Amino acid sequence: SLCENKKNTYSIRTDNAFLNTEGKPKDELFIDDLLHLNPDGYAVWTEIIEKELRKVVSIPKTEIIAHRGASYLAPENSVASSKLAWELGADAVECDIYLSKDNRIMVNHDATTKRTSGKDYTIQNTHSDTLRKLDIGSLKDVKYKGEKIPFLEEIIKEVPPGKKLVVEIKCGSEVIPELKKTIRSVGKDRKF
């Protein structure tokens, strides 16, 4: 069996499914860098994980939640990474939120914008119009140049039918009234 119990820790071997007979990555399962899986590779990985998990735990359905979207391929917590995650088969996308100085819900993991944009602004002390001028795509890949820090409603509008959005509140409870308004206005028919 690929799955072994080591005091409630389970190890699931998946590497054999992704290597050819010479021990090299199967090109058809990876993107060009041969480090990250493509949609076909993720389908294989998901099938292996679900099959092996069902051997050790009773689960009605495994759901794949893309942490910050498809952040390995696209700028994290962006519209592009969210859309790509759902295109690649994720059941849900997780995103992180902060409230800007002018009470807009901004999707960003860190309290500042330094790591994703190269410019250092603290979200809670900055107006959303300033935050929206930042380019969070270029540091990831030139093809994402111009990608902006999204408003939460932009991510919500991209949730496909049957898919979910998981929202992690990174700031304090001051965001709750705005979050309720946003969900009422654009998210009432969506799953969170």
Protein backbone atom coordinates (compact mmCIF):
# COMPACT_ATOMS: atom_id res chain seq x y z
CA SER A 1 0.00 0.00 0.00
CA LEU A 2 1.16 3.52 -0.70
CA CYS A 3 -0.31 4.73 2.57
CA GLU A 4 1.28 3.85 5.90
CA ASN A 5 0.09 4.72 9.40
CA LYS A 6 2.86 6.17 11.54
CA LYS A 7 1.15 7.17 14.79
CA ASN A 8 -1.72 9.00 13.06
CA THR A 9 0.53 10.43 10.37
CA TYR A 10 -0.07 9.17 6.87
CA SER A 11 2.40 9.31 4.04
CA ILE A 12 1.05 8.94 0.53
CA ARG A 13 3.58 8.29 -2.22
CA THR A 14 2.67 10.00 -5.45
CA ASP A 15 6.03 10.39 -7.18
CA ASN A 16 5.83 7.14 -9.18
CA ALA A 17 2.78 8.42 -11.05
CA PHE A 18 4.72 11.45 -12.28
CA LEU A 19 8.01 9.86 -13.34
CA ASN A 20 8.77 7.96 -16.51
CA THR A 21 10.73 4.71 -16.60
CA GLU A 22 13.99 6.70 -16.51
CA GLY A 23 12.94 8.43 -13.30
CA LYS A 24 12.39 11.80 -15.00
CA PRO A 25 9.20 13.90 -14.84
CA LYS A 26 6.52 12.95 -17.37
CA ASP A 27 6.35 16.04 -19.61
CA GLU A 28 2.63 15.63 -20.23
CA LEU A 29 1.84 16.14 -16.51
CA PHE A 30 3.91 19.27 -15.84
CA ILE A 31 4.14 22.85 -16.98
CA ASP A 32 7.35 23.90 -18.75
CA ASP A 33 9.42 24.21 -15.55
CA LEU A 34 8.88 20.47 -14.82
CA LEU A 35 8.35 21.38 -11.16
CA HIS A 36 4.67 22.30 -11.10
CA LEU A 37 1.80 20.13 -12.26
CA ASN A 38 -0.45 21.10 -15.14
CA PRO A 39 -4.22 20.37 -15.09
CA ASP A 40 -3.67 16.76 -16.19
CA GLY A 41 -1.05 16.33 -13.48
CA TYR A 42 -3.39 17.70 -10.84
CA ALA A 43 -6.11 15.32 -11.98
CA VAL A 44 -3.71 12.39 -11.48
CA TRP A 45 -2.57 13.73 -8.08
CA THR A 46 -6.16 14.27 -6.88
CA GLU A 47 -7.16 10.75 -7.93
CA ILE A 48 -4.23 9.21 -6.01
CA ILE A 49 -4.87 11.26 -2.87
CA GLU A 50 -8.60 10.54 -2.84
CA LYS A 51 -8.07 6.81 -3.39
CA GLU A 52 -5.47 6.49 -0.63
CA LEU A 53 -7.32 8.69 1.87
CA ARG A 54 -10.45 6.57 1.48
CA LYS A 55 -8.40 3.58 2.68
CA VAL A 56 -7.72 5.17 6.07
CA VAL A 57 -10.53 7.62 6.77
CA SER A 58 -14.19 7.74 6.01
CA ILE A 59 -14.69 10.80 3.87
CA PRO A 60 -17.79 11.48 1.82
CA LYS A 61 -15.89 13.67 -0.66
CA THR A 62 -12.46 15.19 -0.86
CA GLU A 63 -12.43 18.88 -1.68
CA ILE A 64 -9.41 20.62 -3.04
CA ILE A 65 -9.01 24.17 -1.70
CA ALA A 66 -6.52 26.29 -3.61
CA HIS A 67 -4.55 28.30 -1.06
CA ARG A 68 -4.50 31.92 -2.32
CA GLY A 69 -5.74 30.55 -5.65
CA ALA A 70 -3.32 28.88 -8.04
CA SER A 71 -0.55 30.82 -6.32
CA TYR A 72 2.20 28.54 -7.61
CA LEU A 73 1.43 29.71 -11.16
CA ALA A 74 -0.22 33.13 -10.84
CA PRO A 75 0.10 36.04 -8.40
CA GLU A 76 -1.33 34.93 -5.06
CA ASN A 77 -4.74 36.24 -3.98
CA SER A 78 -5.37 37.74 -7.41
CA VAL A 79 -8.32 37.43 -9.76
CA ALA A 80 -5.99 35.57 -12.15
CA SER A 81 -4.92 33.01 -9.52
CA SER A 82 -8.52 32.45 -8.41
CA LYS A 83 -9.80 31.90 -11.94
CA LEU A 84 -6.88 29.63 -12.76
CA ALA A 85 -7.42 27.52 -9.63
CA TRP A 86 -11.02 26.84 -10.61
CA GLU A 87 -9.98 26.13 -14.20
CA LEU A 88 -7.48 23.58 -12.86
CA GLY A 89 -10.25 21.83 -10.95
CA ALA A 90 -10.12 23.25 -7.43
CA ASP A 91 -13.39 22.92 -5.51
CA ALA A 92 -12.70 26.13 -3.63
CA VAL A 93 -10.30 29.04 -3.46
CA GLU A 94 -9.03 30.45 -0.17
CA CYS A 95 -8.30 34.16 0.00
CA ASP A 96 -7.18 36.56 2.71
CA ILE A 97 -8.73 39.94 3.44
CA TYR A 98 -7.90 43.26 5.07
CA LEU A 99 -9.87 46.47 5.36
CA SER A 100 -8.32 49.53 3.71
CA LYS A 101 -8.32 53.01 5.24
CA ASP A 102 -11.43 53.90 3.21
CA ASN A 103 -13.28 50.72 4.30
CA ARG A 104 -12.83 48.64 1.16
CA ILE A 105 -12.15 44.92 1.53
CA MET A 106 -8.82 44.18 -0.12
CA VAL A 107 -7.63 40.65 -0.92
CA ASN A 108 -4.04 40.29 0.29
CA HIS A 109 -2.25 37.84 2.56
CA ASP A 110 0.13 40.22 4.30
CA ALA A 111 -0.67 43.38 6.24
CA THR A 112 1.60 45.23 3.82
CA THR A 113 2.04 45.15 0.06
CA LYS A 114 5.86 44.88 0.05
CA ARG A 115 6.23 41.17 -0.72
CA THR A 116 3.75 41.03 -3.61
CA SER A 117 4.23 44.45 -5.22
CA GLY A 118 7.68 45.63 -4.15
CA LYS A 119 6.07 48.82 -2.76
CA ASP A 120 5.56 49.05 0.99
CA TYR A 121 2.08 50.16 2.02
CA THR A 122 0.20 49.04 5.12
CA ILE A 123 -3.27 48.14 3.89
CA GLN A 124 -5.23 49.42 6.88
CA ASN A 125 -3.49 52.82 6.62
CA THR A 126 -3.84 53.21 2.86
CA HIS A 127 -6.76 54.19 0.62
CA SER A 128 -7.93 51.56 -1.83
CA ASP A 129 -7.29 53.77 -4.87
CA THR A 130 -3.59 53.84 -3.96
CA LEU A 131 -3.53 50.08 -3.35
CA ARG A 132 -5.24 49.43 -6.68
CA LYS A 133 -2.47 51.23 -8.56
CA LEU A 134 0.08 48.66 -7.42
CA ASP A 135 1.20 45.92 -9.79
CA ILE A 136 1.13 42.56 -7.97
CA GLY A 137 1.71 40.52 -11.12
CA SER A 138 5.12 41.49 -12.45
CA LEU A 139 7.08 39.99 -9.56
CA LYS A 140 5.46 36.62 -10.32
CA ASP A 141 5.68 36.63 -14.12
CA VAL A 142 5.75 39.28 -16.83
CA LYS A 143 2.52 37.86 -18.29
CA TYR A 144 0.71 39.06 -15.14
CA LYS A 145 2.00 42.63 -15.39
CA GLY A 146 -0.73 45.03 -14.29
CA GLU A 147 -2.57 42.55 -12.07
CA LYS A 148 -4.09 44.53 -9.19
CA ILE A 149 -4.84 43.81 -5.56
CA PRO A 150 -8.48 42.80 -5.93
CA PHE A 151 -11.49 43.94 -4.02
CA LEU A 152 -13.23 40.95 -2.43
CA GLU A 153 -16.28 41.45 -4.65
CA GLU A 154 -14.12 40.86 -7.74
CA ILE A 155 -13.12 37.43 -6.45
CA ILE A 156 -16.70 36.62 -5.42
CA LYS A 157 -17.97 37.43 -8.91
CA GLU A 158 -15.55 34.85 -10.36
CA VAL A 159 -16.81 31.92 -8.25
CA PRO A 160 -18.17 29.40 -10.78
CA PRO A 161 -21.44 27.57 -10.13
CA GLY A 162 -20.89 24.67 -7.73
CA LYS A 163 -17.58 26.06 -6.46
CA LYS A 164 -16.76 27.77 -3.16
CA LEU A 165 -14.76 30.63 -1.73
CA VAL A 166 -13.06 30.41 1.67
CA VAL A 167 -12.38 33.84 3.15
CA GLU A 168 -9.75 34.23 5.87
CA ILE A 169 -10.04 37.45 7.84
CA LYS A 170 -6.50 38.65 8.50
CA CYS A 171 -7.41 41.94 10.15
CA GLY A 172 -9.74 42.55 13.09
CA SER A 173 -13.49 42.48 13.50
CA GLU A 174 -13.77 45.96 11.97
CA VAL A 175 -14.12 44.24 8.59
CA ILE A 176 -17.30 42.32 9.56
CA PRO A 177 -19.87 45.05 8.72
CA GLU A 178 -18.27 45.60 5.30
CA LEU A 179 -18.01 41.84 4.73
CA LYS A 180 -21.73 41.44 5.43
CA LYS A 181 -22.55 44.24 2.98
CA THR A 182 -20.35 42.72 0.30
CA ILE A 183 -21.85 39.26 0.69
CA ARG A 184 -25.37 40.70 0.61
CA SER A 185 -24.66 42.72 -2.53
CA VAL A 186 -22.64 40.30 -4.69
CA GLY A 187 -22.38 37.00 -2.86
CA LYS A 188 -25.89 36.04 -1.85
CA ASP A 189 -26.08 33.18 -4.36
CA ARG A 190 -22.53 31.94 -3.77
CA LYS A 191 -21.00 29.46 -1.31
CA PHE A 192 -18.54 30.55 1.39
